[in-house]
Amino acid sequence: MPVSPAYRGEVTDDSADAQPRVPARRGRPGYGREEVLDVAVRVFTEQGYDATSIADLSKELGLTKSALYHHFASKEQLLALALERALSGLEGALERAIEEQATAADRLRAAVRGAIEVLTSQQSYVTLLLRLRGNSPVELDALDRRRRFDQRIAGLVREAQAEGRIRDDIDAGTVARLVFGMINSLVEWYRPGGAIDPVLLADDVLAVALDGLRPR
């Protein structure tokens, strides 16, 4: 009689008809790709990506190494997928802001609100992105995309300054870094499901970061 993958500690597909079985190893049987990725991101963030091995991930999940390799080719692939989720979320929020808002000032406000929404809904993934050290091609590529994102935000600031909607006596790049420095700091203290509503949080950030930049 064939042995069920769950008894071997393997990652199973996320099918609706999958039946849980008692695992031979610690942890839940039948991990799906999303669950494995979530755990990997958490461990990468806690221990540091360079300091985390596939053996560490296997131990944390209670799975065999072969189970991880069944769906993910390498530790680098896990990192690449995690960073893609964070970056595509931020880039998507910026694209929507540009497409949907008429003025640069409104596009900037919408981009800030969208970035906060991504951070609060995908906090662990954005945290991993913000803590990159650039020690691998995957990390360097992600850091390059992040720089391009920051440059586009600075461009929106310049356009809003040209509209007369934001003070023009402060360098646009400095404004962009200060505003997103505030947003990025949320990963250190914001807690999903806590007392702070993400929508109201975005209102507060906009009030502090942008309303104070109105022309005098």
C-alpha atoms as a PDB file:
ATOM      1  CA  MET A   1       0.000   0.000   0.000  1.00  0.00           C
ATOM      2  CA  PRO A   2       1.540   3.397  -1.021  1.00  0.00           C
ATOM      3  CA  VAL A   3       2.461   5.799   1.746  1.00  0.00           C
ATOM      4  CA  SER A   4       0.515   9.079   1.774  1.00  0.00           C
ATOM      5  CA  PRO A   5       2.646  12.211   1.107  1.00  0.00           C
ATOM      6  CA  ALA A   6       1.330  13.650   4.376  1.00  0.00           C
ATOM      7  CA  TYR A   7       2.953  10.806   6.304  1.00  0.00           C
ATOM      8  CA  ARG A   8       6.278  11.581   4.620  1.00  0.00           C
ATOM      9  CA  GLY A   9       6.007  15.255   5.613  1.00  0.00           C
ATOM     10  CA  GLU A  10       5.663  16.472   2.004  1.00  0.00           C
ATOM     11  CA  VAL A  11       4.072  19.658   0.727  1.00  0.00           C
ATOM     12  CA  THR A  12       0.736  18.877  -0.879  1.00  0.00           C
ATOM     13  CA  ASP A  13      -1.362  20.770  -3.410  1.00  0.00           C
ATOM     14  CA  ASP A  14      -3.989  23.211  -2.110  1.00  0.00           C
ATOM     15  CA  SER A  15      -6.898  21.120  -3.376  1.00  0.00           C
ATOM     16  CA  ALA A  16     -10.304  21.347  -1.733  1.00  0.00           C
ATOM     17  CA  ASP A  17     -10.616  17.574  -1.401  1.00  0.00           C
ATOM     18  CA  ALA A  18      -7.290  17.079   0.371  1.00  0.00           C
ATOM     19  CA  GLN A  19      -7.914  15.178   3.624  1.00  0.00           C
ATOM     20  CA  PRO A  20      -5.647  15.865   6.617  1.00  0.00           C
ATOM     21  CA  ARG A  21      -3.806  12.906   8.096  1.00  0.00           C
ATOM     22  CA  VAL A  22      -1.736  12.422  11.204  1.00  0.00           C
ATOM     23  CA  PRO A  23       1.852  13.460  10.345  1.00  0.00           C
ATOM     24  CA  ALA A  24       4.887  11.426  11.263  1.00  0.00           C
ATOM     25  CA  ARG A  25       6.807  14.645  11.979  1.00  0.00           C
ATOM     26  CA  ARG A  26       6.146  17.790  13.965  1.00  0.00           C
ATOM     27  CA  GLY A  27       3.858  20.360  12.354  1.00  0.00           C
ATOM     28  CA  ARG A  28       0.736  20.265  10.278  1.00  0.00           C
ATOM     29  CA  PRO A  29       0.499  17.832   7.366  1.00  0.00           C
ATOM     30  CA  GLY A  30      -0.353  19.013   3.884  1.00  0.00           C
ATOM     31  CA  TYR A  31       1.354  22.419   3.758  1.00  0.00           C
ATOM     32  CA  GLY A  32       0.447  24.366   0.644  1.00  0.00           C
ATOM     33  CA  ARG A  33       2.821  26.614  -1.291  1.00  0.00           C
ATOM     34  CA  GLU A  34       1.380  29.763   0.267  1.00  0.00           C
ATOM     35  CA  GLU A  35       1.825  28.450   3.793  1.00  0.00           C
ATOM     36  CA  VAL A  36       5.416  27.442   3.098  1.00  0.00           C
ATOM     37  CA  LEU A  37       6.147  30.863   1.600  1.00  0.00           C
ATOM     38  CA  ASP A  38       4.569  32.651   4.576  1.00  0.00           C
ATOM     39  CA  VAL A  39       6.698  30.671   7.022  1.00  0.00           C
ATOM     40  CA  ALA A  40       9.840  31.210   4.933  1.00  0.00           C
ATOM     41  CA  VAL A  41       9.283  34.974   4.912  1.00  0.00           C
ATOM     42  CA  ARG A  42       8.811  35.010   8.671  1.00  0.00           C
ATOM     43  CA  VAL A  43      11.998  33.003   9.270  1.00  0.00           C
ATOM     44  CA  PHE A  44      14.002  35.079   6.759  1.00  0.00           C
ATOM     45  CA  THR A  45      12.901  38.219   8.589  1.00  0.00           C
ATOM     46  CA  GLU A  46      13.603  36.878  12.075  1.00  0.00           C
ATOM     47  CA  GLN A  47      16.954  35.195  11.374  1.00  0.00           C
ATOM     48  CA  GLY A  48      18.132  37.066   8.290  1.00  0.00           C
ATOM     49  CA  TYR A  49      18.026  35.580   4.815  1.00  0.00           C
ATOM     50  CA  ASP A  50      21.748  34.759   4.651  1.00  0.00           C
ATOM     51  CA  ALA A  51      21.649  33.029   8.043  1.00  0.00           C
ATOM     52  CA  THR A  52      18.654  30.835   7.128  1.00  0.00           C
ATOM     53  CA  SER A  53      19.156  27.465   5.492  1.00  0.00           C
ATOM     54  CA  ILE A  54      16.742  25.047   3.879  1.00  0.00           C
ATOM     55  CA  ALA A  55      17.371  22.843   6.910  1.00  0.00           C
ATOM     56  CA  ASP A  56      16.140  25.674   9.157  1.00  0.00           C
ATOM     57  CA  LEU A  57      12.970  26.032   7.096  1.00  0.00           C
ATOM     58  CA  SER A  58      12.387  22.277   7.088  1.00  0.00           C
ATOM     59  CA  LYS A  59      12.740  22.156  10.855  1.00  0.00           C
ATOM     60  CA  GLU A  60      10.393  25.095  11.364  1.00  0.00           C
ATOM     61  CA  LEU A  61       7.751  23.527   9.135  1.00  0.00           C
ATOM     62  CA  GLY A  62       8.240  19.980  10.328  1.00  0.00           C
ATOM     63  CA  LEU A  63       8.776  18.848   6.738  1.00  0.00           C
ATOM     64  CA  THR A  64      11.517  17.046   4.875  1.00  0.00           C
ATOM     65  CA  LYS A  65      13.914  18.907   2.597  1.00  0.00           C
ATOM     66  CA  SER A  66      12.592  16.930  -0.351  1.00  0.00           C
ATOM     67  CA  ALA A  67       9.100  18.202   0.449  1.00  0.00           C
ATOM     68  CA  LEU A  68      10.287  21.792   0.096  1.00  0.00           C
ATOM     69  CA  TYR A  69      12.239  21.063  -3.066  1.00  0.00           C
ATOM     70  CA  HIS A  70       9.147  19.440  -4.563  1.00  0.00           C
ATOM     71  CA  HIS A  71       7.511  22.869  -4.994  1.00  0.00           C
ATOM     72  CA  PHE A  72      10.412  25.317  -4.608  1.00  0.00           C
ATOM     73  CA  ALA A  73      13.666  24.848  -6.449  1.00  0.00           C
ATOM     74  CA  SER A  74      15.787  26.711  -3.924  1.00  0.00           C
ATOM     75  CA  LYS A  75      15.928  29.152  -1.041  1.00  0.00           C
ATOM     76  CA  GLU A  76      16.578  31.848  -3.651  1.00  0.00           C
ATOM     77  CA  GLN A  77      13.272  31.069  -5.363  1.00  0.00           C
ATOM     78  CA  LEU A  78      11.418  31.539  -2.089  1.00  0.00           C
ATOM     79  CA  LEU A  79      13.112  34.913  -1.653  1.00  0.00           C
ATOM     80  CA  ALA A  80      12.374  35.961  -5.233  1.00  0.00           C
ATOM     81  CA  LEU A  81       8.683  35.092  -4.908  1.00  0.00           C
ATOM     82  CA  ALA A  82       8.395  36.940  -1.608  1.00  0.00           C
ATOM     83  CA  LEU A  83      10.067  40.075  -2.943  1.00  0.00           C
ATOM     84  CA  GLU A  84       7.968  39.971  -6.094  1.00  0.00           C
ATOM     85  CA  ARG A  85       4.817  40.005  -3.977  1.00  0.00           C
ATOM     86  CA  ALA A  86       5.944  43.088  -2.055  1.00  0.00           C
ATOM     87  CA  LEU A  87       7.253  44.972  -5.077  1.00  0.00           C
ATOM     88  CA  SER A  88       4.371  44.180  -7.398  1.00  0.00           C
ATOM     89  CA  GLY A  89       1.978  45.326  -4.683  1.00  0.00           C
ATOM     90  CA  LEU A  90       3.722  48.677  -4.286  1.00  0.00           C
ATOM     91  CA  GLU A  91       4.180  49.172  -8.025  1.00  0.00           C
ATOM     92  CA  GLY A  92       0.559  48.248  -8.661  1.00  0.00           C
ATOM     93  CA  ALA A  93      -0.638  50.782  -6.098  1.00  0.00           C
ATOM     94  CA  LEU A  94       1.433  53.471  -7.802  1.00  0.00           C
ATOM     95  CA  GLU A  95       0.133  52.564 -11.267  1.00  0.00           C
ATOM     96  CA  ARG A  96      -3.467  52.718 -10.075  1.00  0.00           C
ATOM     97  CA  ALA A  97      -2.863  56.102  -8.473  1.00  0.00           C
ATOM     98  CA  ILE A  98      -1.415  57.480 -11.711  1.00  0.00           C
ATOM     99  CA  GLU A  99      -4.214  56.062 -13.848  1.00  0.00           C
ATOM    100  CA  GLU A 100      -7.127  57.042 -11.630  1.00  0.00           C
ATOM    101  CA  GLN A 101      -6.238  60.532 -10.359  1.00  0.00           C
ATOM    102  CA  ALA A 102      -6.269  63.724 -12.409  1.00  0.00           C
ATOM    103  CA  THR A 103      -3.713  65.878 -10.600  1.00  0.00           C
ATOM    104  CA  ALA A 104      -0.202  65.065  -9.435  1.00  0.00           C
ATOM    105  CA  ALA A 105      -1.078  65.982  -5.856  1.00  0.00           C
ATOM    106  CA  ASP A 106      -4.016  63.578  -5.886  1.00  0.00           C
ATOM    107  CA  ARG A 107      -1.861  60.894  -7.503  1.00  0.00           C
ATOM    108  CA  LEU A 108       0.711  61.350  -4.748  1.00  0.00           C
ATOM    109  CA  ARG A 109      -1.907  61.073  -2.018  1.00  0.00           C
ATOM    110  CA  ALA A 110      -3.381  57.966  -3.651  1.00  0.00           C
ATOM    111  CA  ALA A 111       0.078  56.412  -4.002  1.00  0.00           C
ATOM    112  CA  VAL A 112       0.786  56.991  -0.304  1.00  0.00           C
ATOM    113  CA  ARG A 113      -2.567  55.505   0.664  1.00  0.00           C
ATOM    114  CA  GLY A 114      -1.989  52.519  -1.625  1.00  0.00           C
ATOM    115  CA  ALA A 115       1.486  51.879  -0.233  1.00  0.00           C
ATOM    116  CA  ILE A 116       0.105  51.850   3.309  1.00  0.00           C
ATOM    117  CA  GLU A 117      -2.593  49.415   2.241  1.00  0.00           C
ATOM    118  CA  VAL A 118       0.038  47.078   0.784  1.00  0.00           C
ATOM    119  CA  LEU A 119       2.237  47.353   3.865  1.00  0.00           C
ATOM    120  CA  THR A 120      -0.570  46.660   6.328  1.00  0.00           C
ATOM    121  CA  SER A 121      -1.945  43.712   4.329  1.00  0.00           C
ATOM    122  CA  GLN A 122       1.449  42.210   3.380  1.00  0.00           C
ATOM    123  CA  GLN A 123       3.520  43.419   6.310  1.00  0.00           C
ATOM    124  CA  SER A 124       5.919  40.490   6.573  1.00  0.00           C
ATOM    125  CA  TYR A 125       6.694  40.604   2.838  1.00  0.00           C
ATOM    126  CA  VAL A 126       7.333  44.363   2.824  1.00  0.00           C
ATOM    127  CA  THR A 127       9.440  44.026   5.979  1.00  0.00           C
ATOM    128  CA  LEU A 128      11.638  41.489   4.208  1.00  0.00           C
ATOM    129  CA  LEU A 129      12.032  43.884   1.272  1.00  0.00           C
ATOM    130  CA  LEU A 130      13.024  46.757   3.553  1.00  0.00           C
ATOM    131  CA  ARG A 131      15.693  44.686   5.304  1.00  0.00           C
ATOM    132  CA  LEU A 132      17.551  43.506   2.204  1.00  0.00           C
ATOM    133  CA  ARG A 133      21.313  43.817   2.195  1.00  0.00           C
ATOM    134  CA  GLY A 134      21.944  43.298  -1.509  1.00  0.00           C
ATOM    135  CA  ASN A 135      24.105  40.190  -1.118  1.00  0.00           C
ATOM    136  CA  SER A 136      22.705  38.301  -4.110  1.00  0.00           C
ATOM    137  CA  PRO A 137      21.463  39.004  -7.662  1.00  0.00           C
ATOM    138  CA  VAL A 138      17.869  38.518  -6.479  1.00  0.00           C
ATOM    139  CA  GLU A 139      18.331  41.122  -3.756  1.00  0.00           C
ATOM    140  CA  LEU A 140      20.145  43.554  -6.039  1.00  0.00           C
ATOM    141  CA  ASP A 141      17.355  43.343  -8.600  1.00  0.00           C
ATOM    142  CA  ALA A 142      14.753  44.000  -5.897  1.00  0.00           C
ATOM    143  CA  LEU A 143      16.717  46.978  -4.561  1.00  0.00           C
ATOM    144  CA  ASP A 144      16.943  48.392  -8.083  1.00  0.00           C
ATOM    145  CA  ARG A 145      13.165  48.127  -8.494  1.00  0.00           C
ATOM    146  CA  ARG A 146      12.695  49.799  -5.134  1.00  0.00           C
ATOM    147  CA  ARG A 147      14.961  52.689  -6.202  1.00  0.00           C
ATOM    148  CA  ARG A 148      12.944  53.143  -9.386  1.00  0.00           C
ATOM    149  CA  PHE A 149       9.764  53.196  -7.310  1.00  0.00           C
ATOM    150  CA  ASP A 150      11.250  55.880  -5.038  1.00  0.00           C
ATOM    151  CA  GLN A 151      12.289  57.917  -8.077  1.00  0.00           C
ATOM    152  CA  ARG A 152       8.766  57.802  -9.477  1.00  0.00           C
ATOM    153  CA  ILE A 153       7.392  59.018  -6.138  1.00  0.00           C
ATOM    154  CA  ALA A 154       9.896  61.885  -6.207  1.00  0.00           C
ATOM    155  CA  GLY A 155       8.665  62.669  -9.712  1.00  0.00           C
ATOM    156  CA  LEU A 156       5.109  62.934  -8.428  1.00  0.00           C
ATOM    157  CA  VAL A 157       6.310  65.306  -5.717  1.00  0.00           C
ATOM    158  CA  ARG A 158       7.960  67.542  -8.340  1.00  0.00           C
ATOM    159  CA  GLU A 159       4.772  67.578 -10.409  1.00  0.00           C
ATOM    160  CA  ALA A 160       2.690  68.445  -7.359  1.00  0.00           C
ATOM    161  CA  GLN A 161       5.137  71.247  -6.563  1.00  0.00           C
ATOM    162  CA  ALA A 162       4.771  72.550 -10.126  1.00  0.00           C
ATOM    163  CA  GLU A 163       0.996  72.561  -9.645  1.00  0.00           C
ATOM    164  CA  GLY A 164       1.429  74.733  -6.590  1.00  0.00           C
ATOM    165  CA  ARG A 165      -0.162  72.093  -4.370  1.00  0.00           C
ATOM    166  CA  ILE A 166       3.003  71.298  -2.358  1.00  0.00           C
ATOM    167  CA  ARG A 167       5.730  73.566  -1.030  1.00  0.00           C
ATOM    168  CA  ASP A 168       8.534  73.911  -3.550  1.00  0.00           C
ATOM    169  CA  ASP A 169      11.204  75.121  -1.120  1.00  0.00           C
ATOM    170  CA  ILE A 170      12.000  71.521  -0.112  1.00  0.00           C
ATOM    171  CA  ASP A 171      13.819  69.141  -2.454  1.00  0.00           C
ATOM    172  CA  ALA A 172      11.410  66.645  -4.033  1.00  0.00           C
ATOM    173  CA  GLY A 173      13.709  63.699  -3.371  1.00  0.00           C
ATOM    174  CA  THR A 174      13.963  64.677   0.279  1.00  0.00           C
ATOM    175  CA  VAL A 175      10.183  64.917   0.538  1.00  0.00           C
ATOM    176  CA  ALA A 176       9.773  61.456  -1.010  1.00  0.00           C
ATOM    177  CA  ARG A 177      12.339  59.922   1.350  1.00  0.00           C
ATOM    178  CA  LEU A 178      10.816  61.552   4.423  1.00  0.00           C
ATOM    179  CA  VAL A 179       7.257  60.529   3.523  1.00  0.00           C
ATOM    180  CA  PHE A 180       8.180  56.940   2.747  1.00  0.00           C
ATOM    181  CA  GLY A 181      10.514  56.809   5.726  1.00  0.00           C
ATOM    182  CA  MET A 182       7.408  57.410   7.808  1.00  0.00           C
ATOM    183  CA  ILE A 183       5.462  54.757   5.902  1.00  0.00           C
ATOM    184  CA  ASN A 184       8.274  52.206   6.137  1.00  0.00           C
ATOM    185  CA  SER A 185       8.529  52.727   9.894  1.00  0.00           C
ATOM    186  CA  LEU A 186       5.089  51.137  10.224  1.00  0.00           C
ATOM    187  CA  VAL A 187       6.646  47.695   9.897  1.00  0.00           C
ATOM    188  CA  GLU A 188       8.254  48.213  13.301  1.00  0.00           C
ATOM    189  CA  TRP A 189       5.109  48.950  15.284  1.00  0.00           C
ATOM    190  CA  TYR A 190       1.927  48.374  13.298  1.00  0.00           C
ATOM    191  CA  ARG A 191       0.185  45.112  14.269  1.00  0.00           C
ATOM    192  CA  PRO A 192      -2.370  43.581  11.874  1.00  0.00           C
ATOM    193  CA  GLY A 193      -5.681  42.998  13.589  1.00  0.00           C
ATOM    194  CA  GLY A 194      -4.832  45.437  16.355  1.00  0.00           C
ATOM    195  CA  ALA A 195      -6.648  48.532  17.532  1.00  0.00           C
ATOM    196  CA  ILE A 196      -5.439  50.746  14.667  1.00  0.00           C
ATOM    197  CA  ASP A 197      -7.620  50.685  11.565  1.00  0.00           C
ATOM    198  CA  PRO A 198      -5.469  50.670   8.380  1.00  0.00           C
ATOM    199  CA  VAL A 199      -7.741  53.168   6.608  1.00  0.00           C
ATOM    200  CA  LEU A 200      -7.600  55.621   9.507  1.00  0.00           C
ATOM    201  CA  LEU A 201      -3.856  55.026   9.719  1.00  0.00           C
ATOM    202  CA  ALA A 202      -3.505  56.136   6.101  1.00  0.00           C
ATOM    203  CA  ASP A 203      -5.538  59.257   6.905  1.00  0.00           C
ATOM    204  CA  ASP A 204      -3.183  60.050   9.786  1.00  0.00           C
ATOM    205  CA  VAL A 205      -0.044  59.564   7.696  1.00  0.00           C
ATOM    206  CA  LEU A 206      -1.420  61.789   4.949  1.00  0.00           C
ATOM    207  CA  ALA A 207      -2.338  64.457   7.490  1.00  0.00           C
ATOM    208  CA  VAL A 208       1.104  64.475   9.066  1.00  0.00           C
ATOM    209  CA  ALA A 209       3.220  63.892   5.969  1.00  0.00           C
ATOM    210  CA  LEU A 210       1.474  65.862   3.231  1.00  0.00           C
ATOM    211  CA  ASP A 211      -0.854  68.391   4.797  1.00  0.00           C
ATOM    212  CA  GLY A 212       2.150  69.997   6.430  1.00  0.00           C
ATOM    213  CA  LEU A 213       3.628  70.506   2.956  1.00  0.00           C
ATOM    214  CA  ARG A 214       0.813  72.751   1.744  1.00  0.00           C
ATOM    215  CA  PRO A 215       2.077  76.079   0.411  1.00  0.00           C
ATOM    216  CA  ARG A 216       2.115  78.848   3.014  1.00  0.00           C
END
